[in-house]
């Protein structure tokens, strides 16, 4: 994949996996827009790394649309990485009783709905570049494995007819 010169959006990018991903993309030459909660360290991270910060919640379509608008100002969006998450993890039933239902719902909403909201806002497959407009480093149109063509991955070896009769 050719990352240099590509525009990327990374959610949950103010810390953890999102921050590490952002650093790797910047090091590879991508123009990055980071998305994280307004209360996060996103603004400072963006200043430190020289990237754009779009404050927002991944469960909000409006916030994701604003982040994608910011990305479009930098060029066509080619990379989207969803690292947003909620640090509230607990056993379903622990020493102090059950995991609070409201917290559980928030975890599910951010990790499931947030990813769907982000992905649904991306350009459709018809808007993606075709082979003729893709960069020279793009993959070929040939199937990656024989399994995708319906043929066995291993060629069949035939026994001589004499071996069949017993």
N, C-alpha and C. Protein backbone atom coordinates (compact mmCIF):
# COMPACT_ATOMS: atom_id res chain seq x y z
N UNK A 1 0.84 -1.16 0.00
CA UNK A 1 0.00 0.00 0.00
C UNK A 1 0.89 1.23 0.00
N UNK A 2 0.51 2.20 -0.78
CA UNK A 2 1.27 3.43 -0.85
C UNK A 2 0.62 4.46 0.08
N UNK A 3 1.30 4.75 1.18
CA UNK A 3 0.76 5.64 2.19
C UNK A 3 1.19 7.09 1.96
N UNK A 4 2.40 7.28 1.49
CA UNK A 4 2.93 8.63 1.27
C UNK A 4 2.00 9.42 0.37
N UNK A 5 1.63 10.61 0.82
CA UNK A 5 0.75 11.48 0.05
C UNK A 5 -0.73 11.19 0.23
N UNK A 6 -1.10 10.14 0.93
CA UNK A 6 -2.50 9.80 1.15
C UNK A 6 -3.07 10.60 2.31
N UNK A 7 -4.37 10.78 2.28
CA UNK A 7 -5.07 11.44 3.39
C UNK A 7 -5.71 10.36 4.25
N UNK A 8 -5.52 10.47 5.56
CA UNK A 8 -6.03 9.47 6.50
C UNK A 8 -6.84 10.13 7.60
N UNK A 9 -7.85 9.42 8.08
CA UNK A 9 -8.61 9.82 9.26
C UNK A 9 -8.42 8.72 10.29
N UNK A 10 -8.04 9.10 11.52
CA UNK A 10 -7.86 8.13 12.60
C UNK A 10 -8.73 8.56 13.77
N UNK A 11 -9.64 7.69 14.18
CA UNK A 11 -10.47 7.99 15.35
C UNK A 11 -9.79 7.45 16.60
N UNK A 12 -10.07 8.08 17.73
CA UNK A 12 -9.46 7.66 18.98
C UNK A 12 -7.96 7.89 18.97
N UNK A 13 -7.53 8.96 18.29
CA UNK A 13 -6.11 9.16 18.00
C UNK A 13 -5.35 9.97 19.05
N UNK A 14 -5.99 10.36 20.12
CA UNK A 14 -5.29 11.16 21.13
C UNK A 14 -4.44 10.31 22.07
N UNK A 15 -4.65 8.99 22.04
CA UNK A 15 -3.87 8.12 22.93
C UNK A 15 -3.92 6.69 22.42
N UNK A 16 -3.10 5.86 23.03
CA UNK A 16 -3.12 4.42 22.78
C UNK A 16 -2.86 4.02 21.35
N UNK A 17 -3.62 3.04 20.87
CA UNK A 17 -3.45 2.50 19.53
C UNK A 17 -3.68 3.56 18.46
N UNK A 18 -4.65 4.44 18.67
CA UNK A 18 -4.91 5.50 17.70
C UNK A 18 -3.73 6.44 17.56
N UNK A 19 -3.09 6.79 18.68
CA UNK A 19 -1.92 7.66 18.66
C UNK A 19 -0.75 6.96 17.95
N UNK A 20 -0.53 5.71 18.26
CA UNK A 20 0.55 4.94 17.62
C UNK A 20 0.31 4.83 16.11
N UNK A 21 -0.93 4.62 15.72
CA UNK A 21 -1.29 4.53 14.31
C UNK A 21 -1.04 5.86 13.61
N UNK A 22 -1.44 6.94 14.27
CA UNK A 22 -1.23 8.27 13.70
C UNK A 22 0.26 8.55 13.50
N UNK A 23 1.08 8.21 14.50
CA UNK A 23 2.52 8.43 14.38
C UNK A 23 3.10 7.62 13.21
N UNK A 24 2.64 6.40 13.05
CA UNK A 24 3.13 5.55 11.96
C UNK A 24 2.71 6.11 10.60
N UNK A 25 1.48 6.59 10.49
CA UNK A 25 1.01 7.16 9.23
C UNK A 25 1.76 8.44 8.89
N UNK A 26 2.01 9.29 9.89
CA UNK A 26 2.76 10.53 9.67
C UNK A 26 4.19 10.19 9.23
N UNK A 27 4.80 9.21 9.89
CA UNK A 27 6.16 8.80 9.54
C UNK A 27 6.23 8.25 8.10
N UNK A 28 5.12 7.65 7.64
CA UNK A 28 5.07 7.10 6.29
C UNK A 28 4.69 8.15 5.24
N UNK A 29 4.41 9.38 5.69
CA UNK A 29 4.14 10.46 4.75
C UNK A 29 2.68 10.78 4.50
N UNK A 30 1.78 10.28 5.32
CA UNK A 30 0.35 10.57 5.14
C UNK A 30 0.00 11.91 5.76
N UNK A 31 -1.05 12.50 5.23
CA UNK A 31 -1.64 13.71 5.80
C UNK A 31 -2.80 13.22 6.67
N UNK A 32 -2.73 13.43 7.98
CA UNK A 32 -3.66 12.79 8.90
C UNK A 32 -4.60 13.79 9.57
N UNK A 33 -5.85 13.39 9.71
CA UNK A 33 -6.85 14.11 10.51
C UNK A 33 -7.19 13.19 11.67
N UNK A 34 -6.98 13.66 12.89
CA UNK A 34 -7.31 12.83 14.04
C UNK A 34 -8.66 13.26 14.61
N UNK A 35 -9.41 12.28 15.09
CA UNK A 35 -10.72 12.52 15.67
C UNK A 35 -10.71 11.94 17.08
N UNK A 36 -11.06 12.77 18.04
CA UNK A 36 -11.17 12.31 19.43
C UNK A 36 -12.10 13.27 20.16
N UNK A 37 -12.47 12.89 21.35
CA UNK A 37 -13.38 13.72 22.14
C UNK A 37 -12.78 15.11 22.37
N UNK A 38 -13.62 16.14 22.44
CA UNK A 38 -13.12 17.49 22.70
C UNK A 38 -12.36 17.60 24.03
N UNK A 39 -12.66 16.73 24.98
CA UNK A 39 -12.00 16.76 26.28
C UNK A 39 -10.68 16.00 26.29
N UNK A 40 -10.33 15.37 25.17
CA UNK A 40 -9.09 14.59 25.09
C UNK A 40 -7.89 15.51 24.86
N UNK A 41 -6.73 14.89 24.74
CA UNK A 41 -5.50 15.64 24.44
C UNK A 41 -5.30 15.79 22.93
N UNK A 42 -6.35 15.63 22.16
CA UNK A 42 -6.26 15.65 20.71
C UNK A 42 -5.65 16.91 20.14
N UNK A 43 -6.01 18.06 20.68
CA UNK A 43 -5.48 19.32 20.17
C UNK A 43 -3.96 19.38 20.34
N UNK A 44 -3.49 18.99 21.52
CA UNK A 44 -2.05 19.01 21.79
C UNK A 44 -1.32 17.97 20.92
N UNK A 45 -1.91 16.79 20.79
CA UNK A 45 -1.31 15.74 19.96
C UNK A 45 -1.19 16.23 18.52
N UNK A 46 -2.25 16.87 18.02
CA UNK A 46 -2.24 17.38 16.65
C UNK A 46 -1.14 18.42 16.45
N UNK A 47 -0.98 19.30 17.42
CA UNK A 47 0.08 20.31 17.33
C UNK A 47 1.45 19.65 17.36
N UNK A 48 1.63 18.68 18.24
CA UNK A 48 2.93 18.00 18.35
C UNK A 48 3.31 17.24 17.08
N UNK A 49 2.32 16.63 16.44
CA UNK A 49 2.59 15.80 15.26
C UNK A 49 2.42 16.53 13.93
N UNK A 50 1.86 17.74 13.98
CA UNK A 50 1.63 18.48 12.74
C UNK A 50 0.50 17.94 11.91
N UNK A 51 -0.55 17.49 12.57
CA UNK A 51 -1.73 16.96 11.88
C UNK A 51 -2.94 17.81 12.26
N UNK A 52 -4.07 17.56 11.60
CA UNK A 52 -5.30 18.28 11.90
C UNK A 52 -6.08 17.55 12.98
N UNK A 53 -6.76 18.32 13.84
CA UNK A 53 -7.60 17.74 14.89
C UNK A 53 -9.04 18.12 14.63
N UNK A 54 -9.91 17.13 14.63
CA UNK A 54 -11.34 17.35 14.50
C UNK A 54 -12.00 16.79 15.76
N UNK A 55 -12.34 17.67 16.72
CA UNK A 55 -12.95 17.16 17.95
C UNK A 55 -14.32 16.59 17.67
N UNK A 56 -14.59 15.43 18.27
CA UNK A 56 -15.90 14.83 18.06
C UNK A 56 -16.04 13.47 18.70
N UNK A 57 -17.27 13.01 18.69
CA UNK A 57 -17.65 11.72 19.25
C UNK A 57 -17.98 10.80 18.07
N UNK A 58 -17.39 9.61 18.04
CA UNK A 58 -17.61 8.71 16.90
C UNK A 58 -19.04 8.23 16.78
N UNK A 59 -19.84 8.40 17.80
CA UNK A 59 -21.25 8.00 17.72
C UNK A 59 -22.13 9.10 17.14
N UNK A 60 -21.53 10.25 16.80
CA UNK A 60 -22.27 11.37 16.24
C UNK A 60 -21.99 11.50 14.74
N UNK A 61 -23.02 11.35 13.93
CA UNK A 61 -22.85 11.49 12.48
C UNK A 61 -22.34 12.87 12.11
N UNK A 62 -22.82 13.90 12.79
CA UNK A 62 -22.38 15.26 12.49
C UNK A 62 -20.89 15.44 12.76
N UNK A 63 -20.41 14.88 13.87
CA UNK A 63 -18.99 15.00 14.21
C UNK A 63 -18.12 14.27 13.19
N UNK A 64 -18.57 13.09 12.75
CA UNK A 64 -17.81 12.33 11.75
C UNK A 64 -17.85 13.05 10.41
N UNK A 65 -18.99 13.63 10.06
CA UNK A 65 -19.09 14.38 8.80
C UNK A 65 -18.13 15.57 8.82
N UNK A 66 -18.02 16.25 9.96
CA UNK A 66 -17.09 17.38 10.09
C UNK A 66 -15.64 16.92 9.92
N UNK A 67 -15.32 15.77 10.50
CA UNK A 67 -13.96 15.22 10.36
C UNK A 67 -13.67 14.87 8.90
N UNK A 68 -14.65 14.30 8.21
CA UNK A 68 -14.45 13.94 6.80
C UNK A 68 -14.34 15.18 5.93
N UNK A 69 -15.06 16.24 6.28
CA UNK A 69 -14.92 17.51 5.56
C UNK A 69 -13.51 18.06 5.73
N UNK A 70 -12.98 17.98 6.94
CA UNK A 70 -11.60 18.42 7.20
C UNK A 70 -10.62 17.60 6.37
N UNK A 71 -10.86 16.30 6.28
CA UNK A 71 -9.98 15.43 5.49
C UNK A 71 -10.07 15.79 4.01
N UNK A 72 -11.27 16.05 3.50
CA UNK A 72 -11.45 16.38 2.09
C UNK A 72 -10.72 17.66 1.70
N UNK A 73 -10.54 18.57 2.65
CA UNK A 73 -9.79 19.79 2.39
C UNK A 73 -8.33 19.48 2.08
N UNK A 74 -7.85 18.34 2.57
CA UNK A 74 -6.46 17.93 2.37
C UNK A 74 -6.28 17.08 1.12
N UNK A 75 -7.37 16.58 0.57
CA UNK A 75 -7.32 15.73 -0.62
C UNK A 75 -8.27 14.57 -0.47
N UNK A 76 -8.30 13.65 -1.44
CA UNK A 76 -9.22 12.52 -1.35
C UNK A 76 -8.83 11.57 -0.22
N UNK A 77 -9.82 11.18 0.55
CA UNK A 77 -9.59 10.28 1.68
C UNK A 77 -9.26 8.89 1.16
N UNK A 78 -8.12 8.34 1.59
CA UNK A 78 -7.70 7.01 1.15
C UNK A 78 -7.60 6.02 2.31
N UNK A 79 -7.43 6.53 3.54
CA UNK A 79 -7.21 5.64 4.68
C UNK A 79 -8.13 6.06 5.82
N UNK A 80 -8.82 5.10 6.42
CA UNK A 80 -9.64 5.35 7.60
C UNK A 80 -9.34 4.27 8.62
N UNK A 81 -8.95 4.69 9.83
CA UNK A 81 -8.61 3.75 10.89
C UNK A 81 -9.45 4.10 12.11
N UNK A 82 -10.23 3.13 12.58
CA UNK A 82 -11.09 3.34 13.74
C UNK A 82 -10.46 2.72 14.98
N UNK A 83 -9.98 3.58 15.87
CA UNK A 83 -9.38 3.11 17.12
C UNK A 83 -10.12 3.63 18.34
N UNK A 84 -11.26 4.27 18.13
CA UNK A 84 -12.01 4.82 19.25
C UNK A 84 -12.52 3.68 20.13
N UNK A 85 -12.43 3.89 21.41
CA UNK A 85 -12.89 2.88 22.36
C UNK A 85 -13.16 3.52 23.70
N UNK A 86 -13.78 2.77 24.56
CA UNK A 86 -14.09 3.24 25.90
C UNK A 86 -13.28 2.40 26.88
N UNK A 87 -12.55 3.05 27.79
CA UNK A 87 -11.70 2.30 28.70
C UNK A 87 -12.41 1.60 29.84
N UNK A 88 -13.73 1.62 29.83
CA UNK A 88 -14.48 0.98 30.91
C UNK A 88 -14.68 -0.50 30.61
N UNK A 89 -13.86 -1.31 31.21
CA UNK A 89 -13.99 -2.75 31.04
C UNK A 89 -14.12 -3.38 32.42
N UNK A 90 -14.97 -4.35 32.52
CA UNK A 90 -15.17 -5.01 33.81
C UNK A 90 -15.79 -6.38 33.57
N UNK A 91 -15.76 -7.19 34.56
CA UNK A 91 -16.44 -8.48 34.48
C UNK A 91 -17.94 -8.24 34.47
N UNK A 92 -18.64 -9.13 33.82
CA UNK A 92 -20.09 -8.99 33.77
C UNK A 92 -20.66 -8.98 35.19
N UNK A 93 -20.16 -9.87 36.03
CA UNK A 93 -20.52 -9.87 37.44
C UNK A 93 -19.22 -9.96 38.22
N UNK A 94 -18.93 -8.94 39.00
CA UNK A 94 -17.70 -8.90 39.76
C UNK A 94 -17.96 -8.87 41.25
N UNK A 95 -16.93 -8.55 42.02
CA UNK A 95 -17.04 -8.50 43.48
C UNK A 95 -18.07 -7.47 43.95
N UNK A 96 -18.23 -6.42 43.18
CA UNK A 96 -19.13 -5.34 43.58
C UNK A 96 -20.46 -5.36 42.83
N UNK A 97 -20.82 -6.51 42.29
CA UNK A 97 -22.09 -6.64 41.60
C UNK A 97 -21.92 -6.65 40.10
N UNK A 98 -23.03 -6.51 39.37
CA UNK A 98 -22.98 -6.58 37.91
C UNK A 98 -22.39 -5.30 37.29
N UNK A 99 -21.87 -5.44 36.11
CA UNK A 99 -21.36 -4.31 35.33
C UNK A 99 -22.53 -3.38 35.06
N UNK A 100 -22.42 -2.08 35.36
CA UNK A 100 -23.56 -1.17 35.16
C UNK A 100 -24.05 -1.18 33.71
N UNK A 101 -25.34 -1.35 33.53
CA UNK A 101 -25.92 -1.47 32.20
C UNK A 101 -25.67 -0.22 31.35
N UNK A 102 -25.77 0.96 31.92
CA UNK A 102 -25.55 2.20 31.16
C UNK A 102 -24.12 2.26 30.63
N UNK A 103 -23.17 1.85 31.43
CA UNK A 103 -21.76 1.85 30.99
C UNK A 103 -21.56 0.81 29.90
N UNK A 104 -22.16 -0.37 30.08
CA UNK A 104 -22.06 -1.41 29.06
C UNK A 104 -22.63 -0.93 27.73
N UNK A 105 -23.78 -0.26 27.77
CA UNK A 105 -24.39 0.26 26.54
C UNK A 105 -23.47 1.27 25.85
N UNK A 106 -22.81 2.12 26.64
CA UNK A 106 -21.89 3.11 26.06
C UNK A 106 -20.70 2.41 25.39
N UNK A 107 -20.17 1.38 26.03
CA UNK A 107 -19.05 0.63 25.45
C UNK A 107 -19.48 0.02 24.12
N UNK A 108 -20.64 -0.60 24.08
CA UNK A 108 -21.14 -1.22 22.85
C UNK A 108 -21.40 -0.16 21.79
N UNK A 109 -21.97 0.96 22.18
CA UNK A 109 -22.27 2.03 21.22
C UNK A 109 -21.00 2.57 20.57
N UNK A 110 -19.98 2.82 21.37
CA UNK A 110 -18.74 3.38 20.82
C UNK A 110 -18.02 2.36 19.95
N UNK A 111 -17.90 1.13 20.42
CA UNK A 111 -17.14 0.13 19.68
C UNK A 111 -17.90 -0.43 18.48
N UNK A 112 -19.22 -0.43 18.50
CA UNK A 112 -20.00 -0.97 17.39
C UNK A 112 -20.61 0.14 16.54
N UNK A 113 -21.49 0.91 17.12
CA UNK A 113 -22.17 1.96 16.37
C UNK A 113 -21.21 3.02 15.87
N UNK A 114 -20.23 3.36 16.69
CA UNK A 114 -19.26 4.37 16.28
C UNK A 114 -18.51 3.95 15.04
N UNK A 115 -18.12 2.70 14.97
CA UNK A 115 -17.41 2.20 13.80
C UNK A 115 -18.35 2.21 12.59
N UNK A 116 -19.60 1.86 12.80
CA UNK A 116 -20.56 1.86 11.69
C UNK A 116 -20.80 3.27 11.20
N UNK A 117 -20.93 4.22 12.12
CA UNK A 117 -21.13 5.61 11.73
C UNK A 117 -19.94 6.10 10.92
N UNK A 118 -18.73 5.78 11.37
CA UNK A 118 -17.53 6.22 10.66
C UNK A 118 -17.45 5.57 9.28
N UNK A 119 -17.69 4.28 9.21
CA UNK A 119 -17.59 3.56 7.95
C UNK A 119 -18.68 3.97 6.97
N UNK A 120 -19.89 4.24 7.47
CA UNK A 120 -20.99 4.62 6.60
C UNK A 120 -20.74 5.98 5.96
N UNK A 121 -19.90 6.79 6.57
CA UNK A 121 -19.62 8.12 6.04
C UNK A 121 -18.54 8.12 4.98
N UNK A 122 -17.86 6.99 4.80
CA UNK A 122 -16.80 6.90 3.81
C UNK A 122 -17.38 6.85 2.41
N UNK A 123 -16.58 7.25 1.40
CA UNK A 123 -17.07 7.17 0.02
C UNK A 123 -17.46 5.74 -0.33
N UNK A 124 -18.48 5.61 -1.17
CA UNK A 124 -18.92 4.28 -1.58
C UNK A 124 -17.90 3.65 -2.51
N UNK A 125 -18.08 2.38 -2.77
CA UNK A 125 -17.15 1.66 -3.64
C UNK A 125 -17.11 2.28 -5.03
N UNK A 126 -18.24 2.83 -5.49
CA UNK A 126 -18.26 3.44 -6.83
C UNK A 126 -17.44 4.71 -6.88
N UNK A 127 -17.19 5.35 -5.72
CA UNK A 127 -16.40 6.57 -5.69
C UNK A 127 -14.91 6.29 -5.53
N UNK A 128 -14.55 5.05 -5.29
CA UNK A 128 -13.15 4.70 -5.11
C UNK A 128 -12.46 4.64 -6.47
N UNK A 129 -11.15 4.84 -6.49
CA UNK A 129 -10.45 4.81 -7.78
C UNK A 129 -10.49 3.43 -8.41
N UNK A 130 -10.57 3.41 -9.72
CA UNK A 130 -10.53 2.14 -10.44
C UNK A 130 -9.09 1.81 -10.77
N UNK A 131 -8.88 0.66 -11.36
CA UNK A 131 -7.53 0.22 -11.72
C UNK A 131 -6.84 1.26 -12.61
N UNK A 132 -7.58 1.85 -13.54
CA UNK A 132 -6.97 2.80 -14.48
C UNK A 132 -6.57 4.11 -13.79
N UNK A 133 -7.25 4.49 -12.70
CA UNK A 133 -6.92 5.74 -12.03
C UNK A 133 -6.11 5.53 -10.77
N UNK A 134 -5.93 4.27 -10.37
CA UNK A 134 -5.17 3.98 -9.15
C UNK A 134 -3.69 4.21 -9.40
N UNK A 135 -2.93 4.32 -8.33
CA UNK A 135 -1.49 4.56 -8.47
C UNK A 135 -0.80 3.32 -9.02
N UNK A 136 0.41 3.53 -9.49
CA UNK A 136 1.17 2.42 -10.07
C UNK A 136 1.46 1.32 -9.08
N UNK A 137 1.43 1.63 -7.80
CA UNK A 137 1.73 0.64 -6.77
C UNK A 137 0.54 -0.20 -6.36
N UNK A 138 -0.60 -0.01 -7.03
CA UNK A 138 -1.79 -0.76 -6.62
C UNK A 138 -1.70 -2.21 -7.04
N UNK A 139 -2.50 -3.03 -6.41
CA UNK A 139 -2.45 -4.46 -6.68
C UNK A 139 -3.12 -4.77 -8.02
N UNK A 140 -2.80 -5.91 -8.56
CA UNK A 140 -3.37 -6.30 -9.84
C UNK A 140 -4.79 -6.80 -9.64
N UNK A 141 -5.47 -7.02 -10.76
CA UNK A 141 -6.84 -7.50 -10.69
C UNK A 141 -6.91 -9.01 -10.60
N UNK A 142 -5.78 -9.69 -10.65
CA UNK A 142 -5.73 -11.14 -10.58
C UNK A 142 -6.11 -11.60 -9.17
N UNK A 143 -6.89 -12.68 -9.05
CA UNK A 143 -7.24 -13.17 -7.71
C UNK A 143 -5.99 -13.51 -6.90
N UNK A 144 -6.06 -13.29 -5.61
CA UNK A 144 -4.91 -13.52 -4.73
C UNK A 144 -4.64 -15.01 -4.51
N UNK A 145 -5.65 -15.83 -4.58
CA UNK A 145 -5.42 -17.26 -4.38
C UNK A 145 -6.34 -18.04 -5.31
N UNK A 146 -6.03 -19.29 -5.48
CA UNK A 146 -6.86 -20.13 -6.33
C UNK A 146 -8.22 -20.38 -5.70
N UNK A 147 -8.27 -20.32 -4.41
CA UNK A 147 -9.55 -20.58 -3.73
C UNK A 147 -10.62 -19.58 -4.17
N UNK A 148 -10.22 -18.35 -4.43
CA UNK A 148 -11.20 -17.35 -4.83
C UNK A 148 -11.77 -17.63 -6.22
N UNK A 149 -11.12 -18.45 -7.03
CA UNK A 149 -11.63 -18.77 -8.35
C UNK A 149 -12.45 -20.05 -8.34
N UNK A 150 -12.56 -20.70 -7.19
CA UNK A 150 -13.32 -21.92 -7.09
C UNK A 150 -12.49 -23.16 -7.32
N UNK A 151 -11.23 -23.01 -7.69
CA UNK A 151 -10.36 -24.14 -7.92
C UNK A 151 -9.64 -24.49 -6.63
N UNK A 152 -9.23 -25.70 -6.53
CA UNK A 152 -8.48 -26.15 -5.36
C UNK A 152 -7.14 -25.45 -5.31
N UNK A 153 -6.65 -25.18 -4.11
CA UNK A 153 -5.36 -24.51 -3.94
C UNK A 153 -4.21 -25.42 -4.38
N UNK A 154 -4.39 -26.72 -4.29
CA UNK A 154 -3.36 -27.68 -4.67
C UNK A 154 -3.78 -28.39 -5.95
N UNK A 155 -2.91 -28.43 -6.96
CA UNK A 155 -3.31 -29.12 -8.19
C UNK A 155 -3.50 -30.62 -7.93
N UNK A 156 -4.47 -31.18 -8.59
CA UNK A 156 -4.72 -32.61 -8.43
C UNK A 156 -3.67 -33.40 -9.17
N UNK A 157 -3.28 -34.49 -8.58
CA UNK A 157 -2.37 -35.40 -9.28
C UNK A 157 -3.16 -36.65 -9.62
N UNK A 158 -3.05 -37.07 -10.85
CA UNK A 158 -3.81 -38.23 -11.29
C UNK A 158 -2.93 -39.46 -11.22
N UNK A 159 -3.53 -40.52 -10.77
CA UNK A 159 -2.82 -41.80 -10.76
C UNK A 159 -2.92 -42.44 -12.14
N UNK A 160 -1.92 -43.21 -12.49
CA UNK A 160 -2.03 -43.94 -13.77
C UNK A 160 -3.23 -44.89 -13.70
N UNK A 161 -3.86 -45.15 -14.83
CA UNK A 161 -5.04 -46.02 -14.87
C UNK A 161 -4.77 -47.39 -14.29
N UNK A 162 -3.59 -47.87 -14.46
CA UNK A 162 -3.26 -49.21 -13.95
C UNK A 162 -3.40 -49.26 -12.44
N UNK A 163 -3.16 -48.15 -11.77
CA UNK A 163 -3.25 -48.12 -10.30
C UNK A 163 -4.70 -48.14 -9.86
N UNK A 164 -5.65 -47.79 -10.71
CA UNK A 164 -7.04 -47.75 -10.33
C UNK A 164 -7.67 -49.13 -10.27
N UNK A 165 -7.20 -50.00 -11.13
CA UNK A 165 -7.79 -51.34 -11.14
C UNK A 165 -7.08 -52.21 -10.12
N UNK A 166 -7.85 -52.89 -9.35
CA UNK A 166 -7.22 -53.70 -8.32
C UNK A 166 -7.62 -55.13 -8.40
